[in-house]
Amino acid sequence: MTFNHFDTAGQAIMVDVSQKEPTMRTASASALVNLTPSIVRDIGAGVTSKGDVLSVARLAGIAAAKKTPDLIPLSHPLAIHHVSVDFKVDEEAGSIECIATVRAFERTGVEMEAMTAAAVTALTIYDMCKGADKGITIGRIQLLFKEGGKSGVYRREDAK
């Protein structure tokens, strides 16, 4: 397997995408936050001490997608055209799945933007709820779907 973020001398480089044709790129990623069922119920009812947890987390995820090149050293700055963050709340299990989707007409993919958005959304939920439970966990950060570019479509087989 060849990794294209290294030159022939093994030095880290930013991949040159200047000769690639722009195409519509879409990626979706998710992160899973595990809390207690009672905290998830409080979030749903809007009665947490910090306010509307999911609205703040959504804004954090959208902002994070736009800041990806500042956080991931070799990612390209992109003209992002769309970012959405949605939630699948399971009160009984005490979990919130954060799902971020990013779209851009670009020369390179938007997978890192989607993954960054999902991760920061989850971290924001943790930050807003940590006063009620220090045992919150974040896991299963994963790419769910991507399309565009020469590698075509990818869909995680175990994704719903």
N, C-alpha and C. Protein backbone atom coordinates (compact mmCIF):
# COMPACT_ATOMS: atom_id res chain seq x y z
N MET A 1 0.85 -1.18 0.00
CA MET A 1 0.00 0.00 0.00
C MET A 1 0.89 1.24 0.00
N THR A 2 0.52 2.21 -0.79
CA THR A 2 1.26 3.46 -0.88
C THR A 2 0.51 4.56 -0.14
N PHE A 3 1.24 5.30 0.67
CA PHE A 3 0.65 6.44 1.36
C PHE A 3 1.10 7.69 0.64
N ASN A 4 0.16 8.49 0.16
CA ASN A 4 0.52 9.64 -0.67
C ASN A 4 0.82 10.91 0.12
N HIS A 5 0.89 10.83 1.43
CA HIS A 5 1.24 12.00 2.23
C HIS A 5 2.73 12.01 2.59
N PHE A 6 3.51 11.19 1.87
CA PHE A 6 4.96 11.14 2.08
C PHE A 6 5.66 11.20 0.73
N ASP A 7 6.78 11.93 0.67
CA ASP A 7 7.56 11.95 -0.57
C ASP A 7 8.50 10.75 -0.60
N THR A 8 9.33 10.66 -1.63
CA THR A 8 10.22 9.51 -1.79
C THR A 8 11.26 9.40 -0.68
N ALA A 9 11.52 10.50 0.01
CA ALA A 9 12.46 10.49 1.13
C ALA A 9 11.78 10.22 2.47
N GLY A 10 10.46 9.99 2.45
CA GLY A 10 9.74 9.71 3.68
C GLY A 10 9.29 10.95 4.44
N GLN A 11 9.42 12.12 3.83
CA GLN A 11 9.00 13.36 4.48
C GLN A 11 7.50 13.58 4.27
N ALA A 12 6.85 14.08 5.31
CA ALA A 12 5.42 14.39 5.21
C ALA A 12 5.21 15.55 4.24
N ILE A 13 4.23 15.40 3.36
CA ILE A 13 3.90 16.45 2.38
C ILE A 13 2.39 16.59 2.27
N MET A 14 1.96 17.75 1.80
CA MET A 14 0.56 17.94 1.44
C MET A 14 0.43 17.47 0.00
N VAL A 15 -0.52 16.61 -0.27
CA VAL A 15 -0.72 16.07 -1.60
C VAL A 15 -1.09 17.20 -2.56
N ASP A 16 -0.49 17.21 -3.73
CA ASP A 16 -0.79 18.21 -4.75
C ASP A 16 -2.04 17.78 -5.52
N VAL A 17 -3.14 18.48 -5.31
CA VAL A 17 -4.39 18.15 -5.99
C VAL A 17 -4.71 19.17 -7.09
N SER A 18 -3.76 20.02 -7.42
CA SER A 18 -4.02 21.12 -8.36
C SER A 18 -4.40 20.65 -9.75
N GLN A 19 -3.98 19.47 -10.15
CA GLN A 19 -4.30 18.97 -11.49
C GLN A 19 -5.59 18.15 -11.53
N LYS A 20 -6.19 17.89 -10.39
CA LYS A 20 -7.43 17.11 -10.35
C LYS A 20 -8.61 17.99 -10.73
N GLU A 21 -9.58 17.38 -11.38
CA GLU A 21 -10.81 18.08 -11.72
C GLU A 21 -11.74 18.12 -10.51
N PRO A 22 -12.34 19.27 -10.23
CA PRO A 22 -13.31 19.32 -9.13
C PRO A 22 -14.54 18.47 -9.46
N THR A 23 -15.06 17.81 -8.46
CA THR A 23 -16.32 17.08 -8.56
C THR A 23 -17.09 17.32 -7.28
N MET A 24 -18.38 17.00 -7.31
CA MET A 24 -19.18 17.11 -6.10
C MET A 24 -18.73 16.00 -5.15
N ARG A 25 -18.39 16.37 -3.94
CA ARG A 25 -17.93 15.43 -2.92
C ARG A 25 -18.90 15.48 -1.75
N THR A 26 -19.24 14.31 -1.23
CA THR A 26 -20.11 14.20 -0.07
C THR A 26 -19.54 13.15 0.86
N ALA A 27 -19.59 13.40 2.15
CA ALA A 27 -19.19 12.41 3.14
C ALA A 27 -20.06 12.55 4.37
N SER A 28 -20.37 11.41 4.99
CA SER A 28 -21.08 11.37 6.26
C SER A 28 -20.26 10.54 7.24
N ALA A 29 -20.22 11.00 8.48
CA ALA A 29 -19.50 10.30 9.53
C ALA A 29 -20.32 10.38 10.81
N SER A 30 -20.00 9.49 11.74
CA SER A 30 -20.74 9.50 13.00
C SER A 30 -19.81 9.30 14.18
N ALA A 31 -20.30 9.70 15.35
CA ALA A 31 -19.64 9.46 16.63
C ALA A 31 -20.74 9.11 17.62
N LEU A 32 -20.44 8.19 18.53
CA LEU A 32 -21.44 7.74 19.49
C LEU A 32 -21.08 8.20 20.89
N VAL A 33 -22.03 8.89 21.54
CA VAL A 33 -21.86 9.36 22.91
C VAL A 33 -22.72 8.47 23.81
N ASN A 34 -22.09 7.87 24.81
CA ASN A 34 -22.81 7.03 25.78
C ASN A 34 -22.92 7.78 27.10
N LEU A 35 -24.15 8.00 27.53
CA LEU A 35 -24.45 8.71 28.77
C LEU A 35 -25.39 7.84 29.59
N THR A 36 -25.87 8.36 30.69
CA THR A 36 -26.90 7.64 31.42
C THR A 36 -28.25 7.94 30.77
N PRO A 37 -29.18 6.99 30.84
CA PRO A 37 -30.51 7.25 30.28
C PRO A 37 -31.16 8.51 30.85
N SER A 38 -30.93 8.80 32.13
CA SER A 38 -31.57 9.99 32.71
C SER A 38 -31.00 11.28 32.11
N ILE A 39 -29.73 11.32 31.83
CA ILE A 39 -29.15 12.52 31.19
C ILE A 39 -29.70 12.67 29.77
N VAL A 40 -29.81 11.57 29.05
CA VAL A 40 -30.37 11.64 27.69
C VAL A 40 -31.81 12.13 27.74
N ARG A 41 -32.57 11.69 28.73
CA ARG A 41 -33.95 12.19 28.88
C ARG A 41 -33.95 13.69 29.17
N ASP A 42 -33.03 14.13 30.05
CA ASP A 42 -32.94 15.57 30.37
C ASP A 42 -32.57 16.38 29.12
N ILE A 43 -31.66 15.86 28.32
CA ILE A 43 -31.27 16.54 27.08
C ILE A 43 -32.50 16.68 26.18
N GLY A 44 -33.23 15.59 26.01
CA GLY A 44 -34.43 15.61 25.17
C GLY A 44 -35.50 16.55 25.67
N ALA A 45 -35.61 16.65 26.98
CA ALA A 45 -36.62 17.53 27.59
C ALA A 45 -36.15 18.98 27.68
N GLY A 46 -34.87 19.21 27.39
CA GLY A 46 -34.33 20.56 27.45
C GLY A 46 -34.18 21.09 28.85
N VAL A 47 -33.93 20.19 29.82
CA VAL A 47 -33.85 20.64 31.21
C VAL A 47 -32.46 20.46 31.82
N THR A 48 -31.42 20.44 31.00
CA THR A 48 -30.07 20.36 31.55
C THR A 48 -29.66 21.75 32.06
N SER A 49 -28.72 21.79 32.96
CA SER A 49 -28.29 23.07 33.54
C SER A 49 -27.60 23.97 32.52
N LYS A 50 -27.10 23.39 31.44
CA LYS A 50 -26.38 24.18 30.43
C LYS A 50 -27.24 24.58 29.24
N GLY A 51 -28.51 24.22 29.25
CA GLY A 51 -29.39 24.66 28.18
C GLY A 51 -29.58 23.61 27.09
N ASP A 52 -29.76 24.07 25.87
CA ASP A 52 -30.07 23.22 24.72
C ASP A 52 -28.81 22.54 24.21
N VAL A 53 -28.51 21.39 24.75
CA VAL A 53 -27.26 20.68 24.46
C VAL A 53 -27.12 20.37 22.97
N LEU A 54 -28.14 19.84 22.35
CA LEU A 54 -28.02 19.41 20.96
C LEU A 54 -27.86 20.59 19.99
N SER A 55 -28.51 21.70 20.26
CA SER A 55 -28.33 22.87 19.38
C SER A 55 -26.92 23.41 19.46
N VAL A 56 -26.37 23.48 20.67
CA VAL A 56 -24.99 23.96 20.82
C VAL A 56 -24.02 22.97 20.18
N ALA A 57 -24.25 21.67 20.39
CA ALA A 57 -23.37 20.65 19.80
C ALA A 57 -23.42 20.69 18.27
N ARG A 58 -24.61 20.92 17.72
CA ARG A 58 -24.75 21.02 16.26
C ARG A 58 -23.92 22.19 15.73
N LEU A 59 -24.02 23.34 16.37
CA LEU A 59 -23.23 24.51 15.94
C LEU A 59 -21.74 24.24 16.05
N ALA A 60 -21.33 23.56 17.12
CA ALA A 60 -19.90 23.23 17.28
C ALA A 60 -19.42 22.32 16.15
N GLY A 61 -20.24 21.35 15.78
CA GLY A 61 -19.87 20.44 14.70
C GLY A 61 -19.75 21.15 13.36
N ILE A 62 -20.68 22.03 13.08
CA ILE A 62 -20.63 22.80 11.83
C ILE A 62 -19.37 23.66 11.79
N ALA A 63 -19.08 24.34 12.89
CA ALA A 63 -17.87 25.17 12.95
C ALA A 63 -16.62 24.32 12.81
N ALA A 64 -16.62 23.13 13.41
CA ALA A 64 -15.45 22.25 13.36
C ALA A 64 -15.15 21.80 11.93
N ALA A 65 -16.19 21.48 11.16
CA ALA A 65 -15.98 21.07 9.78
C ALA A 65 -15.22 22.14 9.01
N LYS A 66 -15.57 23.39 9.27
CA LYS A 66 -14.93 24.51 8.57
C LYS A 66 -13.50 24.76 9.06
N LYS A 67 -13.16 24.26 10.24
CA LYS A 67 -11.82 24.45 10.83
C LYS A 67 -10.91 23.24 10.63
N THR A 68 -11.34 22.24 9.91
CA THR A 68 -10.56 21.01 9.76
C THR A 68 -9.12 21.25 9.32
N PRO A 69 -8.84 22.11 8.33
CA PRO A 69 -7.44 22.31 7.93
C PRO A 69 -6.58 22.93 9.03
N ASP A 70 -7.20 23.60 10.00
CA ASP A 70 -6.45 24.14 11.13
C ASP A 70 -6.11 23.06 12.15
N LEU A 71 -6.84 21.95 12.13
CA LEU A 71 -6.67 20.89 13.11
C LEU A 71 -5.91 19.68 12.58
N ILE A 72 -6.11 19.34 11.32
CA ILE A 72 -5.47 18.18 10.70
C ILE A 72 -4.38 18.72 9.77
N PRO A 73 -3.12 18.54 10.11
CA PRO A 73 -2.02 19.25 9.45
C PRO A 73 -1.96 19.17 7.92
N LEU A 74 -2.26 18.04 7.31
CA LEU A 74 -2.09 17.92 5.86
C LEU A 74 -3.40 17.98 5.08
N SER A 75 -4.48 18.36 5.74
CA SER A 75 -5.74 18.47 4.99
C SER A 75 -5.79 19.80 4.25
N HIS A 76 -6.50 19.80 3.14
CA HIS A 76 -6.60 20.98 2.29
C HIS A 76 -7.72 21.91 2.76
N PRO A 77 -7.51 23.22 2.67
CA PRO A 77 -8.63 24.13 2.92
C PRO A 77 -9.64 23.99 1.78
N LEU A 78 -10.89 23.80 2.12
CA LEU A 78 -11.92 23.57 1.11
C LEU A 78 -13.02 24.61 1.22
N ALA A 79 -13.65 24.86 0.08
CA ALA A 79 -14.84 25.72 0.06
C ALA A 79 -16.05 24.82 0.31
N ILE A 80 -16.37 24.64 1.57
CA ILE A 80 -17.47 23.76 1.96
C ILE A 80 -18.79 24.44 1.61
N HIS A 81 -19.67 23.67 0.97
CA HIS A 81 -20.96 24.21 0.55
C HIS A 81 -22.10 23.84 1.47
N HIS A 82 -21.92 22.75 2.25
CA HIS A 82 -23.01 22.31 3.12
C HIS A 82 -22.43 21.48 4.27
N VAL A 83 -22.93 21.74 5.46
CA VAL A 83 -22.64 20.90 6.63
C VAL A 83 -23.95 20.73 7.39
N SER A 84 -24.28 19.49 7.70
CA SER A 84 -25.43 19.25 8.58
C SER A 84 -25.00 18.30 9.69
N VAL A 85 -25.62 18.45 10.83
CA VAL A 85 -25.38 17.57 11.96
C VAL A 85 -26.75 17.13 12.48
N ASP A 86 -26.94 15.82 12.53
CA ASP A 86 -28.19 15.25 13.02
C ASP A 86 -27.90 14.30 14.17
N PHE A 87 -28.94 13.93 14.89
CA PHE A 87 -28.79 13.09 16.07
C PHE A 87 -29.77 11.94 16.03
N LYS A 88 -29.31 10.77 16.46
CA LYS A 88 -30.18 9.63 16.73
C LYS A 88 -30.09 9.41 18.24
N VAL A 89 -31.16 9.74 18.92
CA VAL A 89 -31.19 9.67 20.38
C VAL A 89 -31.89 8.38 20.80
N ASP A 90 -31.22 7.62 21.66
CA ASP A 90 -31.79 6.40 22.20
C ASP A 90 -31.82 6.56 23.72
N GLU A 91 -32.97 7.01 24.23
CA GLU A 91 -33.09 7.27 25.67
C GLU A 91 -32.90 6.00 26.49
N GLU A 92 -33.45 4.91 26.01
CA GLU A 92 -33.37 3.65 26.76
C GLU A 92 -31.91 3.18 26.90
N ALA A 93 -31.15 3.28 25.83
CA ALA A 93 -29.75 2.86 25.86
C ALA A 93 -28.84 3.92 26.48
N GLY A 94 -29.34 5.15 26.54
CA GLY A 94 -28.52 6.24 27.06
C GLY A 94 -27.44 6.65 26.07
N SER A 95 -27.81 6.72 24.79
CA SER A 95 -26.82 7.07 23.77
C SER A 95 -27.35 8.11 22.80
N ILE A 96 -26.40 8.86 22.25
CA ILE A 96 -26.71 9.83 21.20
C ILE A 96 -25.69 9.62 20.10
N GLU A 97 -26.17 9.29 18.91
CA GLU A 97 -25.29 9.17 17.75
C GLU A 97 -25.31 10.51 17.03
N CYS A 98 -24.12 11.07 16.81
CA CYS A 98 -23.97 12.34 16.12
C CYS A 98 -23.58 12.02 14.68
N ILE A 99 -24.37 12.50 13.72
CA ILE A 99 -24.11 12.19 12.31
C ILE A 99 -23.90 13.50 11.56
N ALA A 100 -22.71 13.64 10.99
CA ALA A 100 -22.36 14.85 10.25
C ALA A 100 -22.23 14.53 8.76
N THR A 101 -22.77 15.41 7.94
CA THR A 101 -22.67 15.28 6.49
C THR A 101 -22.10 16.58 5.94
N VAL A 102 -21.12 16.44 5.05
CA VAL A 102 -20.44 17.60 4.45
C VAL A 102 -20.46 17.43 2.94
N ARG A 103 -20.67 18.56 2.24
CA ARG A 103 -20.66 18.57 0.78
C ARG A 103 -19.83 19.74 0.27
N ALA A 104 -19.09 19.48 -0.81
CA ALA A 104 -18.31 20.54 -1.46
C ALA A 104 -18.03 20.13 -2.90
N PHE A 105 -17.91 21.11 -3.77
CA PHE A 105 -17.48 20.89 -5.15
C PHE A 105 -15.99 21.18 -5.15
N GLU A 106 -15.18 20.13 -5.05
CA GLU A 106 -13.75 20.30 -4.79
C GLU A 106 -12.90 19.26 -5.51
N ARG A 107 -11.59 19.40 -5.35
CA ARG A 107 -10.61 18.50 -5.95
C ARG A 107 -10.23 17.34 -5.03
N THR A 108 -10.64 17.41 -3.79
CA THR A 108 -10.33 16.36 -2.82
C THR A 108 -11.54 16.14 -1.92
N GLY A 109 -11.56 15.00 -1.25
CA GLY A 109 -12.73 14.59 -0.49
C GLY A 109 -12.97 15.38 0.78
N VAL A 110 -14.14 15.17 1.35
CA VAL A 110 -14.56 15.87 2.55
C VAL A 110 -14.75 14.91 3.74
N GLU A 111 -14.09 13.75 3.67
CA GLU A 111 -14.22 12.78 4.75
C GLU A 111 -13.71 13.33 6.08
N MET A 112 -12.56 14.01 6.05
CA MET A 112 -11.99 14.52 7.30
C MET A 112 -12.87 15.61 7.91
N GLU A 113 -13.50 16.40 7.06
CA GLU A 113 -14.41 17.43 7.56
C GLU A 113 -15.62 16.79 8.25
N ALA A 114 -16.16 15.73 7.66
CA ALA A 114 -17.30 15.04 8.27
C ALA A 114 -16.89 14.37 9.58
N MET A 115 -15.74 13.72 9.59
CA MET A 115 -15.28 13.04 10.81
C MET A 115 -14.97 14.05 11.92
N THR A 116 -14.36 15.17 11.55
CA THR A 116 -14.07 16.22 12.54
C THR A 116 -15.37 16.79 13.11
N ALA A 117 -16.34 17.03 12.24
CA ALA A 117 -17.63 17.55 12.70
C ALA A 117 -18.31 16.58 13.67
N ALA A 118 -18.32 15.30 13.34
CA ALA A 118 -18.95 14.31 14.22
C ALA A 118 -18.23 14.24 15.57
N ALA A 119 -16.90 14.24 15.54
CA ALA A 119 -16.13 14.13 16.78
C ALA A 119 -16.32 15.35 17.67
N VAL A 120 -16.28 16.55 17.10
CA VAL A 120 -16.44 17.76 17.92
C VAL A 120 -17.87 17.91 18.42
N THR A 121 -18.83 17.46 17.65
CA THR A 121 -20.21 17.44 18.13
C THR A 121 -20.31 16.58 19.38
N ALA A 122 -19.72 15.39 19.32
CA ALA A 122 -19.73 14.48 20.47
C ALA A 122 -18.98 15.09 21.66
N LEU A 123 -17.84 15.70 21.41
CA LEU A 123 -17.08 16.33 22.49
C LEU A 123 -17.87 17.46 23.15
N THR A 124 -18.65 18.17 22.37
CA THR A 124 -19.45 19.26 22.92
C THR A 124 -20.56 18.71 23.82
N ILE A 125 -21.17 17.62 23.43
CA ILE A 125 -22.17 16.98 24.30
C ILE A 125 -21.50 16.59 25.62
N TYR A 126 -20.32 15.99 25.52
CA TYR A 126 -19.58 15.63 26.74
C TYR A 126 -19.34 16.87 27.61
N ASP A 127 -18.83 17.93 26.99
CA ASP A 127 -18.51 19.14 27.74
C ASP A 127 -19.73 19.71 28.46
N MET A 128 -20.87 19.69 27.79
CA MET A 128 -22.07 20.27 28.37
C MET A 128 -22.72 19.39 29.43
N CYS A 129 -22.35 18.10 29.47
CA CYS A 129 -22.98 17.17 30.41
C CYS A 129 -22.03 16.60 31.45
N LYS A 130 -20.76 16.94 31.37
CA LYS A 130 -19.77 16.34 32.28
C LYS A 130 -20.02 16.68 33.74
N GLY A 131 -20.69 17.77 34.02
CA GLY A 131 -21.01 18.12 35.40
C GLY A 131 -21.99 17.14 36.02
N ALA A 132 -22.81 16.50 35.20
CA ALA A 132 -23.80 15.54 35.70
C ALA A 132 -23.26 14.12 35.73
N ASP A 133 -22.22 13.83 34.91
CA ASP A 133 -21.69 12.46 34.83
C ASP A 133 -20.30 12.48 34.23
N LYS A 134 -19.30 12.15 35.02
CA LYS A 134 -17.92 12.10 34.52
C LYS A 134 -17.65 10.82 33.74
N GLY A 135 -18.57 9.85 33.77
CA GLY A 135 -18.37 8.57 33.11
C GLY A 135 -18.83 8.52 31.67
N ILE A 136 -19.19 9.64 31.09
CA ILE A 136 -19.62 9.69 29.69
C ILE A 136 -18.47 9.20 28.81
N THR A 137 -18.81 8.40 27.81
CA THR A 137 -17.79 7.96 26.86
C THR A 137 -18.18 8.36 25.45
N ILE A 138 -17.15 8.52 24.63
CA ILE A 138 -17.33 8.81 23.21
C ILE A 138 -16.60 7.72 22.45
N GLY A 139 -17.25 7.18 21.44
CA GLY A 139 -16.61 6.11 20.68
C GLY A 139 -17.17 5.99 19.29
N ARG A 140 -16.70 4.96 18.61
CA ARG A 140 -17.17 4.60 17.28
C ARG A 140 -17.24 5.80 16.34
N ILE A 141 -16.16 6.56 16.29
CA ILE A 141 -16.07 7.63 15.29
C ILE A 141 -15.72 6.95 13.98
N GLN A 142 -16.59 7.13 12.97
CA GLN A 142 -16.40 6.35 11.74
C GLN A 142 -16.99 7.05 10.52
N LEU A 143 -16.38 6.75 9.39
CA LEU A 143 -16.92 7.20 8.11
C LEU A 143 -18.08 6.29 7.74
N LEU A 144 -19.21 6.87 7.43
CA LEU A 144 -20.39 6.10 7.04
C LEU A 144 -20.53 6.01 5.53
N PHE A 145 -20.19 7.10 4.84
CA PHE A 145 -20.46 7.19 3.41
C PHE A 145 -19.58 8.24 2.80
N LYS A 146 -19.14 8.01 1.57
CA LYS A 146 -18.47 9.05 0.79
C LYS A 146 -18.73 8.79 -0.67
N GLU A 147 -18.80 9.88 -1.43
CA GLU A 147 -18.91 9.77 -2.88
C GLU A 147 -18.24 10.97 -3.52
N GLY A 148 -17.85 10.78 -4.77
CA GLY A 148 -17.17 11.82 -5.51
C GLY A 148 -15.71 11.47 -5.69
N GLY A 149 -15.12 11.96 -6.76
CA GLY A 149 -13.72 11.66 -7.02
C GLY A 149 -13.54 10.32 -7.68
N LYS A 150 -12.28 9.99 -7.95
CA LYS A 150 -12.00 8.78 -8.71
C LYS A 150 -12.22 7.49 -7.94
N SER A 151 -12.21 7.54 -6.61
CA SER A 151 -12.40 6.30 -5.86
C SER A 151 -13.87 5.90 -5.76
N GLY A 152 -14.77 6.77 -6.20
CA GLY A 152 -16.18 6.42 -6.26
C GLY A 152 -16.90 6.44 -4.93
N VAL A 153 -17.85 5.53 -4.79
CA VAL A 153 -18.74 5.51 -3.62
C VAL A 153 -18.23 4.50 -2.60
N TYR A 154 -18.25 4.90 -1.34
CA TYR A 154 -17.99 4.00 -0.23
C TYR A 154 -19.17 4.09 0.73
N ARG A 155 -19.66 2.94 1.15
CA ARG A 155 -20.74 2.90 2.14
C ARG A 155 -20.36 1.84 3.17
N ARG A 156 -20.27 2.25 4.42
CA ARG A 156 -19.94 1.30 5.49
C ARG A 156 -21.02 0.24 5.52
N GLU A 157 -20.61 -1.00 5.46
CA GLU A 157 -21.58 -2.10 5.38
C GLU A 157 -22.44 -2.21 6.62
N ASP A 158 -21.88 -1.92 7.80
CA ASP A 158 -22.68 -2.07 9.02
C ASP A 158 -23.43 -0.80 9.39
N ALA A 159 -23.37 0.23 8.52
CA ALA A 159 -24.10 1.47 8.78
C ALA A 159 -25.56 1.29 8.41
N LYS A 160 -26.42 1.88 9.23
CA LYS A 160 -27.86 1.77 8.97
C LYS A 160 -28.28 2.76 7.92
